[in-house]
Amino acid sequence: MAYQKERAEKKQDPSSVKFEVGEAFVLDYPSRCILRNKAIKDLAARPVKKEADEAKTRGSVINDGTLNAAVKQLLLTILYPPDSAVPPSVTIIPDLTLTSGAIAKSVQDGLTNPETKDQYVNAIAEFSNQFNLKYSLTKANGTKGAGTADLETLDKAYGAIVGQAKSTQPMPADALKEYKKLQKQLWSPGVTNKFTGITSARQKTPLYEAEQTAQLAYYDALSNYYQVKQKTLAEKGGAATWSEIGPIEQQKVDMAMNDWTSSGKDQVALIISQMDNLLKGYPGELITEARQAFTKSTNNSEKFGNYHQCLPTPSDVFSTTSTAWATITTSKGQDFSETMESATKAGFDGSAQWGLWSVSASGSGEQIMTYQDSETTNTTISLEYARVRLTRPWFMIDWMQANDWTYLDTAPGSISKGTIGNNIDKELIIGAYPTELILARNVKVTAKFAKKVLNALKTANSGSASVGWGPFKVGGSFSNSSFKETSSSESGNGELKMPGPFVIGYVVNTLPFSAPKPDGDK
């Protein structure tokens, strides 16, 4: 990297060197005391209610049928806008636990505007430990949801696999040479940041970084197009209004597609396709390379010990100046038929297959309260959201697509069956893992709450318990959230506000069918 070379040649004082934060955000280190991020000041200035003692109180996770429908519409609109291409190895899981989705202030501060290198490293380690997850996928049974996080972390499971995987034959020399040539167009060698001490196994080339950024921007533009369309058509006279503003919104989508194309869309797709074809051979050398990269990528934090990087992209997402955030509103009366048609084409079948909208409680301190046929009505959700990609430089899985490798004495498909549908209700080593977070902030939910739900939220707001109403929480780790009972009417009787940011959903992927062969099979 240029800044590393400059520092090595001039032997500058570390405090005057620009260092890399995450993947793209560069912070001028000596300016840290002057350029305190406004978001940090705002958070510090907010009055904070006394947190409930979660060791002594039992929180409630409420599974409300009406809310489930609204959240389902919201998340599917984000992930499955019409014309999107979502493979069957991808789906979305809402965060329905009381604590796992909270983004600690130490993470926000450390990633946005660190005052010391230890603060930044600790923030990366804390974020990595929180989101290096893997999931077991199960059908809904009323108390257990599809997004149940395993106790074993993703990096520990992957480390065991890559450490013991074997290929029976070497990859032909000409194929390996061609594969390496293609690989260099997408990935450059890893580096150790001489200031922070963090080691990355590899990093995206400018081409791949630009293409991936443009791809995400296109899907955001596409999602926003259908959100505006749904909202407009739900209003009185909406059809006429949409005939006027529709072409303008379409231009935004077209511009985003043009940008994606000019940023290497077709070139990257061709490279990946050619690499996939070569990987139908024998991945022995690639397994060795991945094993070495994983070992090299073990980093250390003075507060959290050893960890493997999991980086948010964009890395400035927690800054108030970040452009990653978009606004969305969902309510009864909107037409989501196009979204559901797109989701169905992608293989989504929430009611019969994954059961994503049921309770997924974790920890002995959580009490499950299920109201599938709730009397809650008139639910309206408005919020800002951001899709944040999780980049793990050590998680090299290209070799797993090959058809000639084994893992210990496991049977074929014991790591993954290859798709979301095939991985459900199976005892697998890695059923699914998160590749994106759906973050929310400035959330406002209004509704005519059912009596039991209303009472639970009021209790949580008093500080005596913590309650999760779908992905929205009050009390406990979400002490900045608030619930206010309003005068009862046909339109509503309460308002829930959450400043955030916090996770409302995870986009998860499955690994390819693996291992492809049983141990000893030649």
Protein backbone atom coordinates (compact mmCIF):
# COMPACT_ATOMS: atom_id res chain seq x y z
CA MET A 1 0.00 0.00 0.00
CA ALA A 2 1.25 3.53 -0.77
CA TYR A 3 0.97 4.85 2.77
CA GLN A 4 2.97 1.91 4.12
CA LYS A 5 5.77 2.44 1.61
CA GLU A 6 5.88 6.15 2.39
CA ARG A 7 6.10 5.52 6.10
CA ALA A 8 8.82 2.89 5.71
CA GLU A 9 10.94 5.14 3.51
CA LYS A 10 10.61 8.32 5.56
CA LYS A 11 10.34 6.62 8.98
CA GLN A 12 7.65 9.07 9.99
CA ASP A 13 6.13 9.25 13.42
CA PRO A 14 3.09 6.90 13.47
CA SER A 15 0.88 9.71 14.78
CA SER A 16 1.31 11.63 11.53
CA VAL A 17 0.53 8.73 9.20
CA LYS A 18 -2.81 8.10 7.58
CA PHE A 19 -3.91 4.54 8.25
CA GLU A 20 -6.56 2.37 6.72
CA VAL A 21 -9.78 1.85 8.63
CA GLY A 22 -11.77 -1.11 7.41
CA GLU A 23 -11.46 -1.33 3.65
CA ALA A 24 -12.06 2.14 2.31
CA PHE A 25 -12.30 4.72 5.08
CA VAL A 26 -9.04 6.63 5.70
CA LEU A 27 -8.70 8.62 8.92
CA ASP A 28 -6.10 11.34 9.52
CA TYR A 29 -4.79 10.16 12.88
CA PRO A 30 -3.45 13.49 14.33
CA SER A 31 -6.81 15.12 13.60
CA ARG A 32 -8.71 12.72 15.81
CA CYS A 33 -9.24 15.16 18.70
CA ILE A 34 -10.48 17.91 16.38
CA LEU A 35 -12.64 15.84 14.04
CA ARG A 36 -14.78 14.14 16.67
CA ASN A 37 -17.68 12.64 14.83
CA LYS A 38 -20.96 14.40 15.43
CA ALA A 39 -22.70 11.06 15.87
CA ILE A 40 -20.55 10.28 18.89
CA LYS A 41 -21.33 13.65 20.44
CA ASP A 42 -25.03 13.17 19.82
CA LEU A 43 -25.00 9.75 21.42
CA ALA A 44 -23.05 10.98 24.43
CA ALA A 45 -25.46 13.87 24.92
CA ARG A 46 -28.59 11.74 24.93
CA PRO A 47 -30.16 11.05 28.31
CA VAL A 48 -29.82 7.34 29.02
CA LYS A 49 -32.37 5.51 31.11
CA LYS A 50 -31.20 3.14 33.81
CA GLU A 51 -30.73 -0.26 32.25
CA ALA A 52 -32.74 -3.15 33.62
CA ASP A 53 -30.73 -5.80 35.40
CA GLU A 54 -31.04 -8.61 32.86
CA ALA A 55 -29.63 -11.10 35.35
CA LYS A 56 -32.61 -10.49 37.62
CA THR A 57 -35.41 -9.84 35.14
CA ARG A 58 -36.92 -11.99 32.46
CA GLY A 59 -37.29 -10.33 29.12
CA SER A 60 -40.09 -11.13 26.71
CA VAL A 61 -39.82 -11.99 23.04
CA ILE A 62 -43.21 -11.35 21.47
CA ASN A 63 -44.17 -13.09 18.24
CA ASP A 64 -46.96 -10.91 16.92
CA GLY A 65 -48.70 -12.13 13.78
CA THR A 66 -49.58 -8.67 12.49
CA LEU A 67 -46.07 -7.31 13.03
CA ASN A 68 -44.55 -10.40 11.42
CA ALA A 69 -46.44 -9.65 8.22
CA ALA A 70 -45.27 -6.03 8.21
CA VAL A 71 -41.63 -6.91 8.91
CA LYS A 72 -41.74 -9.67 6.31
CA GLN A 73 -42.91 -7.18 3.71
CA LEU A 74 -40.22 -4.71 4.76
CA LEU A 75 -37.31 -7.16 4.64
CA LEU A 76 -38.44 -8.86 1.44
CA THR A 77 -38.74 -5.46 -0.24
CA ILE A 78 -35.12 -4.78 0.67
CA LEU A 79 -33.77 -8.17 -0.46
CA TYR A 80 -36.09 -9.11 -3.33
CA PRO A 81 -36.93 -6.06 -5.43
CA PRO A 82 -38.38 -7.15 -8.78
CA ASP A 83 -35.74 -7.78 -11.44
CA SER A 84 -33.16 -8.72 -8.81
CA ALA A 85 -31.23 -11.97 -9.08
CA VAL A 86 -31.13 -13.71 -5.69
CA PRO A 87 -29.72 -17.26 -5.85
CA PRO A 88 -31.28 -20.18 -3.92
CA SER A 89 -28.26 -20.19 -1.59
CA VAL A 90 -29.35 -16.82 -0.14
CA THR A 91 -32.22 -15.76 2.11
CA ILE A 92 -32.97 -13.24 4.86
CA ILE A 93 -33.51 -13.85 8.57
CA PRO A 94 -34.92 -11.24 10.95
CA ASP A 95 -33.16 -10.63 14.26
CA LEU A 96 -35.72 -11.64 16.87
CA THR A 97 -33.56 -11.96 19.99
CA LEU A 98 -33.27 -9.45 22.82
CA THR A 99 -29.56 -8.66 22.61
CA SER A 100 -27.73 -9.96 19.54
CA GLY A 101 -28.61 -7.10 17.20
CA ALA A 102 -27.41 -4.23 19.36
CA ILE A 103 -24.36 -2.37 18.01
CA ALA A 104 -22.27 -1.37 21.02
CA LYS A 105 -21.26 2.27 21.35
CA SER A 106 -17.64 1.10 21.69
CA VAL A 107 -17.93 -0.41 18.19
CA GLN A 108 -19.53 2.69 16.71
CA ASP A 109 -16.93 5.02 18.25
CA GLY A 110 -13.98 2.78 17.45
CA LEU A 111 -14.90 2.28 13.79
CA THR A 112 -16.03 5.84 13.12
CA ASN A 113 -13.41 7.97 14.83
CA PRO A 114 -10.87 6.05 16.92
CA GLU A 115 -8.62 8.05 19.21
CA THR A 116 -6.00 5.31 19.53
CA LYS A 117 -5.03 2.28 17.50
CA ASP A 118 -6.08 0.01 20.40
CA GLN A 119 -9.56 1.51 20.33
CA TYR A 120 -9.86 0.74 16.62
CA VAL A 121 -8.44 -2.78 16.94
CA ASN A 122 -10.76 -3.53 19.88
CA ALA A 123 -13.75 -2.26 17.87
CA ILE A 124 -12.85 -4.50 14.92
CA ALA A 125 -12.42 -7.47 17.27
CA GLU A 126 -15.73 -6.82 19.04
CA PHE A 127 -17.61 -6.43 15.74
CA SER A 128 -15.93 -9.56 14.34
CA ASN A 129 -16.81 -11.66 17.39
CA GLN A 130 -20.42 -10.47 17.17
CA PHE A 131 -20.95 -11.29 13.50
CA ASN A 132 -18.70 -14.26 12.76
CA LEU A 133 -21.82 -16.35 13.16
CA LYS A 134 -23.15 -19.53 11.67
CA TYR A 135 -26.74 -20.72 11.78
CA SER A 136 -28.77 -23.87 12.01
CA LEU A 137 -31.81 -23.59 9.76
CA THR A 138 -35.02 -25.11 11.12
CA LYS A 139 -38.69 -24.96 10.29
CA ALA A 140 -40.87 -22.91 12.61
CA ASN A 141 -42.44 -24.82 15.48
CA GLY A 142 -43.91 -21.91 17.40
CA THR A 143 -40.93 -21.32 19.68
CA LYS A 144 -37.91 -21.79 17.48
CA GLY A 145 -37.12 -19.83 14.36
CA ALA A 146 -34.98 -20.48 11.31
CA GLY A 147 -32.26 -18.08 12.40
CA THR A 148 -30.90 -19.90 15.44
CA ALA A 149 -27.23 -18.96 15.87
CA ASP A 150 -24.88 -21.80 16.79
CA LEU A 151 -22.56 -21.61 19.79
CA GLU A 152 -19.56 -22.46 17.62
CA THR A 153 -18.35 -19.46 15.63
CA LEU A 154 -17.93 -19.35 11.86
CA ASP A 155 -14.17 -18.85 12.00
CA LYS A 156 -13.69 -21.80 14.36
CA ALA A 157 -15.78 -24.12 12.17
CA TYR A 158 -14.11 -22.96 8.94
CA GLY A 159 -10.65 -23.22 10.50
CA ALA A 160 -11.30 -26.86 11.39
CA ILE A 161 -12.55 -27.61 7.86
CA VAL A 162 -9.73 -25.94 5.93
CA GLY A 163 -7.20 -27.39 8.35
CA GLN A 164 -8.29 -31.00 7.69
CA ALA A 165 -9.60 -30.87 4.10
CA LYS A 166 -7.74 -33.01 1.58
CA SER A 167 -7.71 -33.37 -2.19
CA THR A 168 -6.66 -36.70 -3.72
CA GLN A 169 -4.98 -35.26 -6.81
CA PRO A 170 -3.10 -32.04 -7.59
CA MET A 171 -4.65 -29.46 -9.88
CA PRO A 172 -3.14 -29.67 -13.39
CA ALA A 173 -0.34 -27.13 -13.77
CA ASP A 174 -1.88 -25.31 -16.71
CA ALA A 175 -5.27 -25.06 -14.96
CA LEU A 176 -3.64 -23.80 -11.76
CA LYS A 177 -1.67 -21.19 -13.68
CA GLU A 178 -4.81 -19.94 -15.43
CA TYR A 179 -6.77 -19.91 -12.16
CA LYS A 180 -4.07 -17.85 -10.43
CA LYS A 181 -4.05 -15.42 -13.34
CA LEU A 182 -7.81 -14.91 -13.06
CA GLN A 183 -7.68 -14.73 -9.26
CA LYS A 184 -5.19 -11.84 -9.37
CA GLN A 185 -7.76 -9.76 -11.24
CA LEU A 186 -10.09 -9.94 -8.23
CA TRP A 187 -7.80 -10.37 -5.23
CA SER A 188 -4.42 -8.91 -4.34
CA PRO A 189 -2.08 -10.36 -1.68
CA GLY A 190 -2.84 -9.65 1.95
CA VAL A 191 -0.87 -7.14 3.98
CA THR A 192 -0.15 -6.33 7.59
CA ASN A 193 -1.01 -2.76 8.53
CA LYS A 194 2.20 -1.57 10.15
CA PHE A 195 0.37 0.89 12.32
CA THR A 196 -2.57 -1.15 13.63
CA GLY A 197 -0.82 -4.51 13.33
CA ILE A 198 -3.93 -6.07 11.70
CA THR A 199 -3.22 -8.70 9.07
CA SER A 200 -5.56 -9.41 6.14
CA ALA A 201 -5.20 -12.61 4.13
CA ARG A 202 -6.12 -10.84 0.92
CA GLN A 203 -7.87 -7.73 -0.31
CA LYS A 204 -10.09 -6.90 -3.23
CA THR A 205 -8.49 -5.34 -6.28
CA PRO A 206 -9.73 -1.88 -7.33
CA LEU A 207 -11.72 -3.58 -10.11
CA TYR A 208 -13.51 -5.99 -7.77
CA GLU A 209 -14.05 -3.36 -5.08
CA ALA A 210 -15.59 -0.94 -7.59
CA GLU A 211 -17.80 -3.65 -9.13
CA GLN A 212 -19.05 -4.85 -5.74
CA THR A 213 -19.79 -1.30 -4.57
CA ALA A 214 -21.65 -0.49 -7.78
CA GLN A 215 -23.62 -3.75 -7.56
CA LEU A 216 -24.85 -2.90 -4.07
CA ALA A 217 -25.74 0.62 -5.20
CA TYR A 218 -27.79 -0.80 -8.07
CA TYR A 219 -29.81 -3.11 -5.81
CA ASP A 220 -30.36 -0.24 -3.40
CA ALA A 221 -31.65 1.90 -6.29
CA LEU A 222 -33.88 -0.94 -7.47
CA SER A 223 -35.26 -1.48 -3.97
CA ASN A 224 -35.89 2.25 -3.55
CA TYR A 225 -37.72 2.36 -6.89
CA TYR A 226 -40.28 -0.24 -5.77
CA GLN A 227 -40.60 1.28 -2.31
CA VAL A 228 -41.53 4.65 -3.86
CA LYS A 229 -43.86 2.91 -6.30
CA GLN A 230 -45.64 0.92 -3.57
CA LYS A 231 -46.03 3.95 -1.34
CA THR A 232 -47.26 6.18 -4.16
CA LEU A 233 -49.83 3.71 -5.50
CA ALA A 234 -51.23 3.18 -1.99
CA GLU A 235 -52.17 6.86 -1.77
CA LYS A 236 -55.29 8.48 -3.17
CA GLY A 237 -54.66 9.46 -6.77
CA GLY A 238 -51.45 7.47 -6.68
CA ALA A 239 -51.74 6.08 -10.19
CA ALA A 240 -51.71 9.54 -11.72
CA THR A 241 -48.84 10.66 -9.50
CA TRP A 242 -46.82 7.59 -10.39
CA SER A 243 -47.28 8.20 -14.11
CA GLU A 244 -45.44 11.50 -13.55
CA ILE A 245 -42.68 10.48 -11.16
CA GLY A 246 -42.23 6.87 -12.33
CA PRO A 247 -40.01 7.74 -15.30
CA ILE A 248 -37.80 9.86 -13.03
CA GLU A 249 -37.40 7.00 -10.56
CA GLN A 250 -36.65 4.63 -13.46
CA GLN A 251 -33.87 6.93 -14.62
CA LYS A 252 -32.20 6.53 -11.21
CA VAL A 253 -32.27 2.75 -11.61
CA ASP A 254 -30.94 2.99 -15.18
CA MET A 255 -28.10 5.26 -14.05
CA ALA A 256 -27.18 2.81 -11.28
CA MET A 257 -27.14 -0.08 -13.79
CA ASN A 258 -24.97 1.93 -16.18
CA ASP A 259 -22.57 2.66 -13.33
CA TRP A 260 -22.44 -1.03 -12.38
CA THR A 261 -21.76 -1.98 -16.01
CA SER A 262 -19.01 0.61 -16.41
CA SER A 263 -17.50 -0.57 -13.10
CA GLY A 264 -16.84 -4.04 -14.48
CA LYS A 265 -20.12 -5.97 -14.08
CA ASP A 266 -19.68 -8.20 -17.13
CA GLN A 267 -15.90 -8.48 -16.75
CA VAL A 268 -16.13 -9.69 -13.14
CA ALA A 269 -18.94 -12.11 -13.98
CA LEU A 270 -16.82 -13.63 -16.76
CA ILE A 271 -13.78 -13.97 -14.49
CA ILE A 272 -15.83 -15.70 -11.78
CA SER A 273 -17.43 -18.02 -14.35
CA GLN A 274 -14.03 -19.02 -15.73
CA MET A 275 -12.68 -19.63 -12.21
CA ASP A 276 -15.71 -21.80 -11.39
CA ASN A 277 -15.11 -23.94 -14.48
CA LEU A 278 -11.47 -24.47 -13.53
CA LEU A 279 -12.48 -25.41 -9.99
CA LYS A 280 -14.34 -28.45 -11.27
CA GLY A 281 -10.89 -29.97 -11.22
CA TYR A 282 -8.69 -30.64 -8.19
CA PRO A 283 -8.19 -27.95 -5.54
CA GLY A 284 -5.21 -29.31 -3.58
CA GLU A 285 -3.00 -26.22 -3.97
CA LEU A 286 -5.92 -23.90 -3.27
CA ILE A 287 -6.72 -25.70 -0.02
CA THR A 288 -3.12 -25.25 1.09
CA GLU A 289 -3.27 -21.57 0.15
CA ALA A 290 -6.54 -21.07 2.06
CA ARG A 291 -5.14 -22.91 5.10
CA GLN A 292 -2.08 -20.68 5.19
CA ALA A 293 -4.19 -17.55 4.73
CA PHE A 294 -6.48 -18.50 7.61
CA THR A 295 -3.54 -19.06 9.95
CA LYS A 296 -1.90 -15.80 8.86
CA SER A 297 -5.14 -13.89 9.47
CA THR A 298 -5.33 -14.63 13.19
CA ASN A 299 -5.18 -11.19 14.81
CA ASN A 300 -5.06 -10.14 18.45
CA SER A 301 -6.86 -7.50 20.46
CA GLU A 302 -5.65 -6.54 23.93
CA LYS A 303 -9.27 -6.59 25.14
CA PHE A 304 -10.79 -9.52 23.22
CA GLY A 305 -7.80 -11.75 22.48
CA ASN A 306 -7.47 -13.63 19.17
CA TYR A 307 -10.02 -12.98 16.42
CA HIS A 308 -10.50 -13.18 12.66
CA GLN A 309 -11.58 -10.02 10.89
CA CYS A 310 -15.19 -9.38 9.92
CA LEU A 311 -15.34 -5.90 8.41
CA PRO A 312 -18.42 -3.78 7.63
CA THR A 313 -18.62 -2.36 4.11
CA PRO A 314 -19.13 0.56 3.80
CA SER A 315 -16.85 1.04 6.79
CA ASP A 316 -18.21 4.52 7.61
CA VAL A 317 -21.78 3.24 8.00
CA PHE A 318 -21.95 4.37 11.65
CA SER A 319 -21.03 7.95 10.76
CA THR A 320 -23.79 10.56 10.51
CA THR A 321 -22.30 11.61 7.17
CA SER A 322 -22.55 8.12 5.66
CA THR A 323 -24.48 7.88 2.40
CA ALA A 324 -25.33 4.21 2.98
CA TRP A 325 -28.72 4.92 4.55
CA ALA A 326 -32.10 5.00 2.80
CA THR A 327 -35.62 5.60 4.14
CA ILE A 328 -38.44 3.08 3.94
CA THR A 329 -42.03 3.02 5.20
CA THR A 330 -44.32 0.01 5.18
CA SER A 331 -47.94 -0.15 6.24
CA LYS A 332 -51.19 -1.92 5.65
CA GLY A 333 -52.67 -1.16 2.25
CA GLN A 334 -49.46 -1.17 0.25
CA ASP A 335 -49.26 -3.50 -2.73
CA PHE A 336 -46.37 -5.95 -2.28
CA SER A 337 -47.41 -8.34 -5.05
CA GLU A 338 -44.38 -7.53 -7.23
CA THR A 339 -42.01 -8.10 -4.30
CA MET A 340 -43.62 -11.44 -3.44
CA GLU A 341 -43.51 -12.51 -7.08
CA SER A 342 -39.79 -11.72 -7.19
CA ALA A 343 -39.18 -13.56 -3.89
CA THR A 344 -41.10 -16.60 -5.12
CA LYS A 345 -39.06 -16.73 -8.33
CA ALA A 346 -35.92 -16.71 -6.17
CA GLY A 347 -37.21 -19.73 -4.27
CA PHE A 348 -38.50 -17.98 -1.16
CA ASP A 349 -41.33 -19.78 0.63
CA GLY A 350 -41.49 -18.43 4.16
CA SER A 351 -44.72 -20.16 5.21
CA ALA A 352 -43.95 -23.67 4.03
CA GLN A 353 -40.19 -23.77 4.03
CA TRP A 354 -38.02 -21.67 6.24
CA GLY A 355 -40.43 -20.29 8.85
CA LEU A 356 -38.41 -17.12 9.16
CA TRP A 357 -41.04 -15.12 10.94
CA SER A 358 -41.33 -17.05 14.18
CA VAL A 359 -39.63 -16.47 17.50
CA SER A 360 -35.90 -17.16 17.73
CA ALA A 361 -35.10 -16.68 21.41
CA SER A 362 -31.71 -17.34 22.94
CA GLY A 363 -30.50 -17.36 26.55
CA SER A 364 -32.21 -18.44 29.73
CA GLY A 365 -33.26 -14.88 30.51
CA GLU A 366 -35.70 -14.65 27.62
CA GLN A 367 -39.34 -15.56 28.02
CA ILE A 368 -41.26 -16.33 24.85
CA MET A 369 -44.72 -14.81 24.40
CA THR A 370 -46.38 -15.94 21.17
CA TYR A 371 -49.39 -14.12 19.72
CA GLN A 372 -49.67 -15.46 16.19
CA ASP A 373 -53.23 -14.14 15.81
CA SER A 374 -52.70 -10.83 17.52
CA GLU A 375 -55.35 -8.15 17.65
CA THR A 376 -52.72 -5.53 16.81
CA THR A 377 -53.84 -3.52 13.78
CA ASN A 378 -52.88 -0.48 11.69
CA THR A 379 -49.16 -1.17 11.96
CA THR A 380 -46.94 1.39 10.23
CA ILE A 381 -43.15 1.13 10.29
CA SER A 382 -40.84 3.90 9.12
CA LEU A 383 -37.07 3.77 9.43
CA GLU A 384 -33.72 4.39 7.82
CA TYR A 385 -31.92 1.23 6.76
CA ALA A 386 -28.52 0.30 5.41
CA ARG A 387 -27.34 -2.91 3.78
CA VAL A 388 -23.87 -3.62 5.14
CA ARG A 389 -21.71 -6.29 3.56
CA LEU A 390 -19.56 -8.40 5.86
CA THR A 391 -16.07 -8.86 4.44
CA ARG A 392 -13.95 -11.69 5.85
CA PRO A 393 -10.55 -11.72 4.06
CA TRP A 394 -9.69 -15.11 5.60
CA PHE A 395 -12.92 -16.82 4.50
CA MET A 396 -11.68 -18.25 1.20
CA ILE A 397 -14.31 -20.71 -0.03
CA ASP A 398 -13.72 -20.85 -3.80
CA TRP A 399 -12.00 -24.23 -3.44
CA MET A 400 -15.12 -25.71 -1.83
CA GLN A 401 -16.87 -25.68 -5.21
CA ALA A 402 -14.43 -28.28 -6.54
CA ASN A 403 -15.59 -31.88 -6.83
CA ASP A 404 -12.52 -33.62 -5.47
CA TRP A 405 -11.90 -33.06 -1.77
CA THR A 406 -12.78 -34.68 1.55
CA TYR A 407 -13.10 -33.66 5.19
CA LEU A 408 -12.10 -36.23 7.82
CA ASP A 409 -14.51 -39.19 7.83
CA THR A 410 -17.64 -37.14 7.11
CA ALA A 411 -20.22 -38.16 4.54
CA PRO A 412 -20.81 -36.05 1.42
CA GLY A 413 -22.93 -32.99 2.20
CA SER A 414 -22.22 -33.05 5.95
CA ILE A 415 -20.90 -29.48 5.90
CA SER A 416 -23.62 -28.05 3.64
CA LYS A 417 -26.21 -29.37 1.18
CA GLY A 418 -25.70 -26.33 -1.04
CA THR A 419 -29.00 -24.39 -0.82
CA ILE A 420 -31.19 -22.85 1.86
CA GLY A 421 -34.02 -25.30 1.18
CA ASN A 422 -31.76 -28.36 1.34
CA ASN A 423 -30.08 -27.20 4.57
CA ILE A 424 -33.28 -26.88 6.60
CA ASP A 425 -33.65 -29.30 9.53
CA LYS A 426 -30.30 -30.92 8.81
CA GLU A 427 -27.48 -31.40 11.29
CA LEU A 428 -24.76 -29.63 9.34
CA ILE A 429 -21.42 -28.14 10.28
CA ILE A 430 -22.28 -24.80 8.65
CA GLY A 431 -25.99 -24.50 7.82
CA ALA A 432 -25.74 -20.83 6.83
CA TYR A 433 -23.66 -17.75 7.61
CA PRO A 434 -24.38 -14.00 7.38
CA THR A 435 -22.98 -12.05 4.43
CA GLU A 436 -24.91 -8.82 5.03
CA LEU A 437 -26.53 -6.96 7.90
CA ILE A 438 -29.73 -4.99 7.51
CA LEU A 439 -29.18 -2.12 9.95
CA ALA A 440 -31.92 0.23 11.09
CA ARG A 441 -31.94 3.60 12.83
CA ASN A 442 -34.47 6.32 13.61
CA VAL A 443 -37.22 3.71 13.75
CA LYS A 444 -40.79 4.73 14.43
CA VAL A 445 -43.59 2.17 14.77
CA THR A 446 -47.20 3.15 15.35
CA ALA A 447 -50.10 0.74 15.75
CA LYS A 448 -53.32 -0.12 17.48
CA PHE A 449 -51.53 -2.51 19.85
CA ALA A 450 -53.23 -5.58 21.28
CA LYS A 451 -53.72 -5.32 25.05
CA LYS A 452 -51.07 -7.93 25.98
CA VAL A 453 -48.50 -6.39 23.64
CA LEU A 454 -49.27 -2.90 24.89
CA ASN A 455 -48.80 -3.93 28.52
CA ALA A 456 -45.51 -5.72 27.75
CA LEU A 457 -44.08 -2.67 25.97
CA LYS A 458 -45.21 -0.34 28.76
CA THR A 459 -43.51 -2.58 31.33
CA ALA A 460 -40.26 -2.59 29.34
CA ASN A 461 -40.37 1.18 28.97
CA SER A 462 -40.47 1.55 32.76
CA GLY A 463 -37.08 -0.18 32.98
CA SER A 464 -38.29 -3.26 34.83
CA ALA A 465 -37.85 -5.71 31.94
CA SER A 466 -36.73 -5.99 28.34
CA VAL A 467 -39.10 -6.77 25.51
CA GLY A 468 -38.54 -7.69 21.88
CA TRP A 469 -41.49 -7.06 19.59
CA GLY A 470 -40.27 -8.70 16.42
CA PRO A 471 -36.89 -7.09 15.60
CA PHE A 472 -37.77 -4.01 17.69
CA LYS A 473 -36.64 -3.91 21.32
CA VAL A 474 -37.21 -1.84 24.44
CA GLY A 475 -35.11 -2.02 27.61
CA GLY A 476 -31.98 -4.03 28.39
CA SER A 477 -29.34 -3.57 25.70
CA PHE A 478 -31.72 -1.15 23.94
CA SER A 479 -32.14 1.35 26.78
CA ASN A 480 -32.24 4.27 24.31
CA SER A 481 -35.46 2.91 22.83
CA SER A 482 -38.77 4.19 24.11
CA PHE A 483 -42.45 3.32 23.99
CA LYS A 484 -45.20 5.88 24.50
CA GLU A 485 -48.85 5.09 24.97
CA THR A 486 -51.03 7.53 23.08
CA SER A 487 -54.73 8.26 23.38
CA SER A 488 -56.59 5.19 22.24
CA SER A 489 -58.35 5.51 18.89
CA GLU A 490 -59.19 3.40 15.88
CA SER A 491 -55.93 4.43 14.21
CA GLY A 492 -53.55 3.69 17.08
CA ASN A 493 -52.77 3.66 20.78
CA GLY A 494 -48.97 3.60 20.97
CA GLU A 495 -45.68 4.66 19.42
CA LEU A 496 -42.33 2.85 19.58
CA LYS A 497 -39.11 4.75 18.81
CA MET A 498 -35.60 3.35 18.45
CA PRO A 499 -32.68 5.66 17.56
CA GLY A 500 -30.38 2.73 16.78
CA PRO A 501 -28.40 1.68 14.89
CA PHE A 502 -29.19 -2.01 15.36
CA VAL A 503 -29.65 -5.15 13.28
CA ILE A 504 -33.16 -6.02 12.11
CA GLY A 505 -32.14 -8.76 9.70
CA TYR A 506 -29.32 -10.89 8.32
CA VAL A 507 -28.80 -11.85 4.69
CA VAL A 508 -27.40 -15.37 4.92
CA ASN A 509 -25.70 -17.68 2.42
CA THR A 510 -24.99 -21.37 2.32
CA LEU A 511 -21.72 -22.98 1.33
CA PRO A 512 -21.57 -25.12 -1.83
CA PHE A 513 -22.43 -28.80 -1.45
CA SER A 514 -19.58 -30.01 0.71
CA ALA A 515 -17.67 -32.10 1.24
CA PRO A 516 -18.25 -33.63 -2.20
CA LYS A 517 -16.61 -36.98 -1.39
CA PRO A 518 -16.35 -39.27 1.64
CA ASP A 519 -12.89 -39.75 3.13
CA GLY A 520 -10.98 -42.42 1.25
CA ASP A 521 -13.02 -42.12 -1.95
CA LYS A 522 -10.68 -41.86 -4.89
